Structure formats: structure tokens, C-alpha cells
Amino acid sequence: MENKIREKLESLRVHLQADGGDMEIVEIEGKTVRLRLQGACGTCPHATMTIKDGLERILREEIDPEILIERVM
């Protein structure tokens, strides 16, 4: 499952990069993913929405409904 999560997040990075941001996968432990948002995304007031309503929703729909993303500062 970790490989599927990494592959999907890599494919989604281009959307963050298009807005001047990026992400770093800090750790994947079971179904919990720890991400660090970088660049414009790291300081964006909508970062929580990006993670929960964007990245996490897509991972849950396409890989496993129990995936949880935690933001690491």
C-alpha cells in the first residue's frame, strides 16, 4: 500500500508545484501519511483544505478509505 500512496502523491505534486508549492513525504506508517507542505503551500491559509479536501480525499477514494494525512510543520 505504501508504494501506491507514494505513486499517487507523486502524481498530485504537479498541482502543488503549479501554485508555487510542493510537498515532502515525511513518513508513511500503515494508513497514516505524514506530509510537510513547502513553498507557497507551506504558508498558505488553505493548507488544511489542500490536505483534507484534496490529497486525503483522493487517496481515500482511489486507494483506501481509512487513509489519514497528518501535516508536519
PDB file of N, CA and C in Angstrom:
ATOM      1  N   MET A   1       0.821  -1.190   0.000  1.00  0.00           N
ATOM      2  CA  MET A   1       0.000   0.000   0.000  1.00  0.00           C
ATOM      3  C   MET A   1       0.870   1.261   0.000  1.00  0.00           C
ATOM      4  N   GLU A   2       2.013   1.225   0.680  1.00  0.00           N
ATOM      5  CA  GLU A   2       2.893   2.391   0.731  1.00  0.00           C
ATOM      6  C   GLU A   2       3.309   2.849  -0.665  1.00  0.00           C
ATOM      7  N   ASN A   3       3.628   1.895  -1.528  1.00  0.00           N
ATOM      8  CA  ASN A   3       4.023   2.262  -2.896  1.00  0.00           C
ATOM      9  C   ASN A   3       2.883   2.941  -3.646  1.00  0.00           C
ATOM     10  N   LYS A   4       1.668   2.445  -3.472  1.00  0.00           N
ATOM     11  CA  LYS A   4       0.513   3.063  -4.132  1.00  0.00           C
ATOM     12  C   LYS A   4       0.316   4.497  -3.648  1.00  0.00           C
ATOM     13  N   ILE A   5       0.462   4.702  -2.341  1.00  0.00           N
ATOM     14  CA  ILE A   5       0.306   6.043  -1.767  1.00  0.00           C
ATOM     15  C   ILE A   5       1.376   6.976  -2.331  1.00  0.00           C
ATOM     16  N   ARG A   6       2.624   6.511  -2.328  1.00  0.00           N
ATOM     17  CA  ARG A   6       3.726   7.341  -2.843  1.00  0.00           C
ATOM     18  C   ARG A   6       3.513   7.696  -4.321  1.00  0.00           C
ATOM     19  N   GLU A   7       3.115   6.721  -5.110  1.00  0.00           N
ATOM     20  CA  GLU A   7       2.894   6.956  -6.546  1.00  0.00           C
ATOM     21  C   GLU A   7       1.781   7.979  -6.764  1.00  0.00           C
ATOM     22  N   LYS A   8       0.698   7.857  -6.026  1.00  0.00           N
ATOM     23  CA  LYS A   8      -0.423   8.781  -6.195  1.00  0.00           C
ATOM     24  C   LYS A   8      -0.023  10.186  -5.754  1.00  0.00           C
ATOM     25  N   LEU A   9       0.663  10.302  -4.620  1.00  0.00           N
ATOM     26  CA  LEU A   9       1.096  11.625  -4.162  1.00  0.00           C
ATOM     27  C   LEU A   9       2.068  12.261  -5.161  1.00  0.00           C
ATOM     28  N   GLU A  10       2.954  11.452  -5.728  1.00  0.00           N
ATOM     29  CA  GLU A  10       3.882  11.982  -6.742  1.00  0.00           C
ATOM     30  C   GLU A  10       3.116  12.535  -7.938  1.00  0.00           C
ATOM     31  N   SER A  11       2.054  11.850  -8.329  1.00  0.00           N
ATOM     32  CA  SER A  11       1.277  12.318  -9.477  1.00  0.00           C
ATOM     33  C   SER A  11       0.509  13.599  -9.152  1.00  0.00           C
ATOM     34  N   LEU A  12       0.239  13.845  -7.873  1.00  0.00           N
ATOM     35  CA  LEU A  12      -0.503  15.032  -7.459  1.00  0.00           C
ATOM     36  C   LEU A  12       0.407  16.238  -7.189  1.00  0.00           C
ATOM     37  N   ARG A  13       1.697  16.002  -7.056  1.00  0.00           N
ATOM     38  CA  ARG A  13       2.650  17.082  -6.757  1.00  0.00           C
ATOM     39  C   ARG A  13       2.602  18.205  -7.780  1.00  0.00           C
ATOM     40  N   VAL A  14       2.362  17.869  -9.036  1.00  0.00           N
ATOM     41  CA  VAL A  14       2.373  18.887 -10.091  1.00  0.00           C
ATOM     42  C   VAL A  14       1.347  19.985  -9.817  1.00  0.00           C
ATOM     43  N   HIS A  15       0.246  19.635  -9.169  1.00  0.00           N
ATOM     44  CA  HIS A  15      -0.785  20.627  -8.862  1.00  0.00           C
ATOM     45  C   HIS A  15      -0.291  21.619  -7.808  1.00  0.00           C
ATOM     46  N   LEU A  16       0.428  21.108  -6.827  1.00  0.00           N
ATOM     47  CA  LEU A  16       1.007  21.995  -5.816  1.00  0.00           C
ATOM     48  C   LEU A  16       2.115  22.847  -6.424  1.00  0.00           C
ATOM     49  N   GLN A  17       2.930  22.227  -7.255  1.00  0.00           N
ATOM     50  CA  GLN A  17       4.039  22.940  -7.880  1.00  0.00           C
ATOM     51  C   GLN A  17       3.536  24.039  -8.816  1.00  0.00           C
ATOM     52  N   ALA A  18       2.396  23.838  -9.424  1.00  0.00           N
ATOM     53  CA  ALA A  18       1.827  24.847 -10.313  1.00  0.00           C
ATOM     54  C   ALA A  18       1.443  26.121  -9.553  1.00  0.00           C
ATOM     55  N   ASP A  19       1.219  25.982  -8.245  1.00  0.00           N
ATOM     56  CA  ASP A  19       0.873  27.133  -7.409  1.00  0.00           C
ATOM     57  C   ASP A  19       2.075  27.639  -6.610  1.00  0.00           C
ATOM     58  N   GLY A  20       3.271  27.185  -6.953  1.00  0.00           N
ATOM     59  CA  GLY A  20       4.477  27.640  -6.260  1.00  0.00           C
ATOM     60  C   GLY A  20       4.781  26.884  -4.983  1.00  0.00           C
ATOM     61  N   GLY A  21       4.167  25.734  -4.808  1.00  0.00           N
ATOM     62  CA  GLY A  21       4.386  24.938  -3.605  1.00  0.00           C
ATOM     63  C   GLY A  21       4.929  23.566  -3.929  1.00  0.00           C
ATOM     64  N   ASP A  22       4.983  22.748  -2.914  1.00  0.00           N
ATOM     65  CA  ASP A  22       5.439  21.371  -3.064  1.00  0.00           C
ATOM     66  C   ASP A  22       5.105  20.634  -1.772  1.00  0.00           C
ATOM     67  N   MET A  23       5.435  19.363  -1.724  1.00  0.00           N
ATOM     68  CA  MET A  23       5.235  18.577  -0.514  1.00  0.00           C
ATOM     69  C   MET A  23       6.365  17.581  -0.364  1.00  0.00           C
ATOM     70  N   GLU A  24       6.600  17.220   0.872  1.00  0.00           N
ATOM     71  CA  GLU A  24       7.595  16.208   1.211  1.00  0.00           C
ATOM     72  C   GLU A  24       6.890  15.131   2.009  1.00  0.00           C
ATOM     73  N   ILE A  25       7.059  13.890   1.599  1.00  0.00           N
ATOM     74  CA  ILE A  25       6.516  12.770   2.369  1.00  0.00           C
ATOM     75  C   ILE A  25       7.508  12.505   3.494  1.00  0.00           C
ATOM     76  N   VAL A  26       7.103  12.797   4.718  1.00  0.00           N
ATOM     77  CA  VAL A  26       7.967  12.614   5.871  1.00  0.00           C
ATOM     78  C   VAL A  26       7.975  11.156   6.298  1.00  0.00           C
ATOM     79  N   GLU A  27       6.785  10.538   6.311  1.00  0.00           N
ATOM     80  CA  GLU A  27       6.673   9.166   6.786  1.00  0.00           C
ATOM     81  C   GLU A  27       5.331   8.589   6.362  1.00  0.00           C
ATOM     82  N   ILE A  28       5.346   7.308   6.067  1.00  0.00           N
ATOM     83  CA  ILE A  28       4.100   6.563   5.862  1.00  0.00           C
ATOM     84  C   ILE A  28       4.153   5.383   6.817  1.00  0.00           C
ATOM     85  N   GLU A  29       3.196   5.381   7.743  1.00  0.00           N
ATOM     86  CA  GLU A  29       3.144   4.319   8.741  1.00  0.00           C
ATOM     87  C   GLU A  29       1.758   3.698   8.683  1.00  0.00           C
ATOM     88  N   GLY A  30       1.672   2.533   8.065  1.00  0.00           N
ATOM     89  CA  GLY A  30       0.371   1.903   7.871  1.00  0.00           C
ATOM     90  C   GLY A  30      -0.484   2.758   6.941  1.00  0.00           C
ATOM     91  N   LYS A  31      -1.606   3.243   7.455  1.00  0.00           N
ATOM     92  CA  LYS A  31      -2.513   4.071   6.659  1.00  0.00           C
ATOM     93  C   LYS A  31      -2.418   5.548   7.035  1.00  0.00           C
ATOM     94  N   THR A  32      -1.388   5.888   7.813  1.00  0.00           N
ATOM     95  CA  THR A  32      -1.161   7.277   8.202  1.00  0.00           C
ATOM     96  C   THR A  32       0.007   7.836   7.414  1.00  0.00           C
ATOM     97  N   VAL A  33      -0.249   8.956   6.759  1.00  0.00           N
ATOM     98  CA  VAL A  33       0.761   9.618   5.930  1.00  0.00           C
ATOM     99  C   VAL A  33       1.084  10.952   6.588  1.00  0.00           C
ATOM    100  N   ARG A  34       2.365  11.214   6.803  1.00  0.00           N
ATOM    101  CA  ARG A  34       2.794  12.499   7.360  1.00  0.00           C
ATOM    102  C   ARG A  34       3.463  13.295   6.252  1.00  0.00           C
ATOM    103  N   LEU A  35       2.887  14.470   5.973  1.00  0.00           N
ATOM    104  CA  LEU A  35       3.364  15.329   4.890  1.00  0.00           C
ATOM    105  C   LEU A  35       3.820  16.676   5.418  1.00  0.00           C
ATOM    106  N   ARG A  36       4.819  17.227   4.762  1.00  0.00           N
ATOM    107  CA  ARG A  36       5.237  18.594   5.025  1.00  0.00           C
ATOM    108  C   ARG A  36       5.004  19.382   3.748  1.00  0.00           C
ATOM    109  N   LEU A  37       4.167  20.407   3.836  1.00  0.00           N
ATOM    110  CA  LEU A  37       3.942  21.271   2.691  1.00  0.00           C
ATOM    111  C   LEU A  37       5.069  22.296   2.630  1.00  0.00           C
ATOM    112  N   GLN A  38       5.490  22.615   1.419  1.00  0.00           N
ATOM    113  CA  GLN A  38       6.630  23.508   1.235  1.00  0.00           C
ATOM    114  C   GLN A  38       6.269  24.651   0.299  1.00  0.00           C
ATOM    115  N   GLY A  39       7.132  25.646   0.268  1.00  0.00           N
ATOM    116  CA  GLY A  39       6.933  26.786  -0.622  1.00  0.00           C
ATOM    117  C   GLY A  39       5.646  27.515  -0.291  1.00  0.00           C
ATOM    118  N   ALA A  40       4.959  27.964  -1.309  1.00  0.00           N
ATOM    119  CA  ALA A  40       3.712  28.708  -1.110  1.00  0.00           C
ATOM    120  C   ALA A  40       2.680  27.891  -0.342  1.00  0.00           C
ATOM    121  N   CYS A  41       2.674  26.587  -0.519  1.00  0.00           N
ATOM    122  CA  CYS A  41       1.697  25.739   0.177  1.00  0.00           C
ATOM    123  C   CYS A  41       1.986  25.649   1.674  1.00  0.00           C
ATOM    124  N   GLY A  42       3.244  25.792   2.055  1.00  0.00           N
ATOM    125  CA  GLY A  42       3.616  25.695   3.462  1.00  0.00           C
ATOM    126  C   GLY A  42       3.071  26.827   4.299  1.00  0.00           C
ATOM    127  N   THR A  43       2.868  27.987   3.685  1.00  0.00           N
ATOM    128  CA  THR A  43       2.370  29.153   4.427  1.00  0.00           C
ATOM    129  C   THR A  43       0.949  29.541   4.027  1.00  0.00           C
ATOM    130  N   CYS A  44       0.337  28.780   3.188  1.00  0.00           N
ATOM    131  CA  CYS A  44      -0.997  29.095   2.687  1.00  0.00           C
ATOM    132  C   CYS A  44      -2.049  28.898   3.779  1.00  0.00           C
ATOM    133  N   PRO A  45      -2.976  29.849   3.925  1.00  0.00           N
ATOM    134  CA  PRO A  45      -4.029  29.677   4.924  1.00  0.00           C
ATOM    135  C   PRO A  45      -5.001  28.543   4.578  1.00  0.00           C
ATOM    136  N   HIS A  46      -4.950  28.060   3.352  1.00  0.00           N
ATOM    137  CA  HIS A  46      -5.840  26.974   2.922  1.00  0.00           C
ATOM    138  C   HIS A  46      -5.139  25.613   2.933  1.00  0.00           C
ATOM    139  N   ALA A  47      -3.988  25.513   3.593  1.00  0.00           N
ATOM    140  CA  ALA A  47      -3.212  24.276   3.590  1.00  0.00           C
ATOM    141  C   ALA A  47      -4.004  23.095   4.147  1.00  0.00           C
ATOM    142  N   THR A  48      -4.783  23.313   5.184  1.00  0.00           N
ATOM    143  CA  THR A  48      -5.581  22.227   5.760  1.00  0.00           C
ATOM    144  C   THR A  48      -6.602  21.723   4.751  1.00  0.00           C
ATOM    145  N   MET A  49      -7.208  22.636   4.015  1.00  0.00           N
ATOM    146  CA  MET A  49      -8.164  22.229   2.979  1.00  0.00           C
ATOM    147  C   MET A  49      -7.452  21.458   1.874  1.00  0.00           C
ATOM    148  N   THR A  50      -6.255  21.895   1.509  1.00  0.00           N
ATOM    149  CA  THR A  50      -5.483  21.187   0.483  1.00  0.00           C
ATOM    150  C   THR A  50      -5.246  19.751   0.904  1.00  0.00           C
ATOM    151  N   ILE A  51      -4.890  19.560   2.163  1.00  0.00           N
ATOM    152  CA  ILE A  51      -4.599  18.207   2.654  1.00  0.00           C
ATOM    153  C   ILE A  51      -5.875  17.388   2.801  1.00  0.00           C
ATOM    154  N   LYS A  52      -6.859  17.902   3.525  1.00  0.00           N
ATOM    155  CA  LYS A  52      -8.051  17.110   3.849  1.00  0.00           C
ATOM    156  C   LYS A  52      -9.020  16.975   2.668  1.00  0.00           C
ATOM    157  N   ASP A  53      -9.330  18.090   2.022  1.00  0.00           N
ATOM    158  CA  ASP A  53     -10.321  18.060   0.947  1.00  0.00           C
ATOM    159  C   ASP A  53      -9.718  17.705  -0.402  1.00  0.00           C
ATOM    160  N   GLY A  54      -8.411  17.733  -0.478  1.00  0.00           N
ATOM    161  CA  GLY A  54      -7.741  17.419  -1.735  1.00  0.00           C
ATOM    162  C   GLY A  54      -7.010  16.097  -1.662  1.00  0.00           C
ATOM    163  N   LEU A  55      -5.808  16.132  -1.115  1.00  0.00           N
ATOM    164  CA  LEU A  55      -4.935  14.957  -1.113  1.00  0.00           C
ATOM    165  C   LEU A  55      -5.540  13.763  -0.381  1.00  0.00           C
ATOM    166  N   GLU A  56      -6.005  13.973   0.847  1.00  0.00           N
ATOM    167  CA  GLU A  56      -6.550  12.860   1.623  1.00  0.00           C
ATOM    168  C   GLU A  56      -7.794  12.275   0.955  1.00  0.00           C
ATOM    169  N   ARG A  57      -8.671  13.137   0.463  1.00  0.00           N
ATOM    170  CA  ARG A  57      -9.896  12.663  -0.201  1.00  0.00           C
ATOM    171  C   ARG A  57      -9.559  11.775  -1.402  1.00  0.00           C
ATOM    172  N   ILE A  58      -8.593  12.204  -2.197  1.00  0.00           N
ATOM    173  CA  ILE A  58      -8.206  11.427  -3.380  1.00  0.00           C
ATOM    174  C   ILE A  58      -7.612  10.082  -2.971  1.00  0.00           C
ATOM    175  N   LEU A  59      -6.724  10.080  -1.984  1.00  0.00           N
ATOM    176  CA  LEU A  59      -6.139   8.810  -1.520  1.00  0.00           C
ATOM    177  C   LEU A  59      -7.213   7.874  -0.992  1.00  0.00           C
ATOM    178  N   ARG A  60      -8.171   8.418  -0.255  1.00  0.00           N
ATOM    179  CA  ARG A  60      -9.254   7.584   0.295  1.00  0.00           C
ATOM    180  C   ARG A  60     -10.137   7.024  -0.806  1.00  0.00           C
ATOM    181  N   GLU A  61     -10.431   7.824  -1.815  1.00  0.00           N
ATOM    182  CA  GLU A  61     -11.289   7.360  -2.902  1.00  0.00           C
ATOM    183  C   GLU A  61     -10.588   6.333  -3.785  1.00  0.00           C
ATOM    184  N   GLU A  62      -9.302   6.537  -4.022  1.00  0.00           N
ATOM    185  CA  GLU A  62      -8.609   5.703  -5.008  1.00  0.00           C
ATOM    186  C   GLU A  62      -7.801   4.548  -4.422  1.00  0.00           C
ATOM    187  N   ILE A  63      -7.461   4.630  -3.129  1.00  0.00           N
ATOM    188  CA  ILE A  63      -6.610   3.579  -2.561  1.00  0.00           C
ATOM    189  C   ILE A  63      -7.284   2.879  -1.376  1.00  0.00           C
ATOM    190  N   ASP A  64      -7.600   3.646  -0.318  1.00  0.00           N
ATOM    191  CA  ASP A  64      -8.193   3.034   0.877  1.00  0.00           C
ATOM    192  C   ASP A  64      -8.944   4.110   1.667  1.00  0.00           C
ATOM    193  N   PRO A  65     -10.195   3.849   2.043  1.00  0.00           N
ATOM    194  CA  PRO A  65     -10.997   4.854   2.738  1.00  0.00           C
ATOM    195  C   PRO A  65     -10.528   5.183   4.156  1.00  0.00           C
ATOM    196  N   GLU A  66      -9.555   4.445   4.676  1.00  0.00           N
ATOM    197  CA  GLU A  66      -9.081   4.687   6.041  1.00  0.00           C
ATOM    198  C   GLU A  66      -7.775   5.474   6.091  1.00  0.00           C
ATOM    199  N   ILE A  67      -7.267   5.917   4.951  1.00  0.00           N
ATOM    200  CA  ILE A  67      -6.018   6.681   4.917  1.00  0.00           C
ATOM    201  C   ILE A  67      -6.218   8.020   5.618  1.00  0.00           C
ATOM    202  N   LEU A  68      -5.236   8.394   6.411  1.00  0.00           N
ATOM    203  CA  LEU A  68      -5.260   9.660   7.138  1.00  0.00           C
ATOM    204  C   LEU A  68      -3.968  10.418   6.828  1.00  0.00           C
ATOM    205  N   ILE A  69      -4.089  11.690   6.474  1.00  0.00           N
ATOM    206  CA  ILE A  69      -2.904  12.516   6.268  1.00  0.00           C
ATOM    207  C   ILE A  69      -2.766  13.477   7.428  1.00  0.00           C
ATOM    208  N   GLU A  70      -1.579  13.516   8.012  1.00  0.00           N
ATOM    209  CA  GLU A  70      -1.261  14.449   9.081  1.00  0.00           C
ATOM    210  C   GLU A  70      -0.236  15.431   8.545  1.00  0.00           C
ATOM    211  N   ARG A  71      -0.433  16.698   8.839  1.00  0.00           N
ATOM    212  CA  ARG A  71       0.512  17.726   8.404  1.00  0.00           C
ATOM    213  C   ARG A  71       1.629  17.869   9.422  1.00  0.00           C
ATOM    214  N   VAL A  72       2.845  17.848   8.934  1.00  0.00           N
ATOM    215  CA  VAL A  72       4.035  18.036   9.763  1.00  0.00           C
ATOM    216  C   VAL A  72       4.585  19.415   9.466  1.00  0.00           C
ATOM    217  N   MET A  73       4.905  20.161  10.491  1.00  0.00           N
ATOM    218  CA  MET A  73       5.441  21.513  10.287  1.00  0.00           C
ATOM    219  C   MET A  73       6.956  21.495  10.228  1.00  0.00           C
TER     220      MET A  73
END
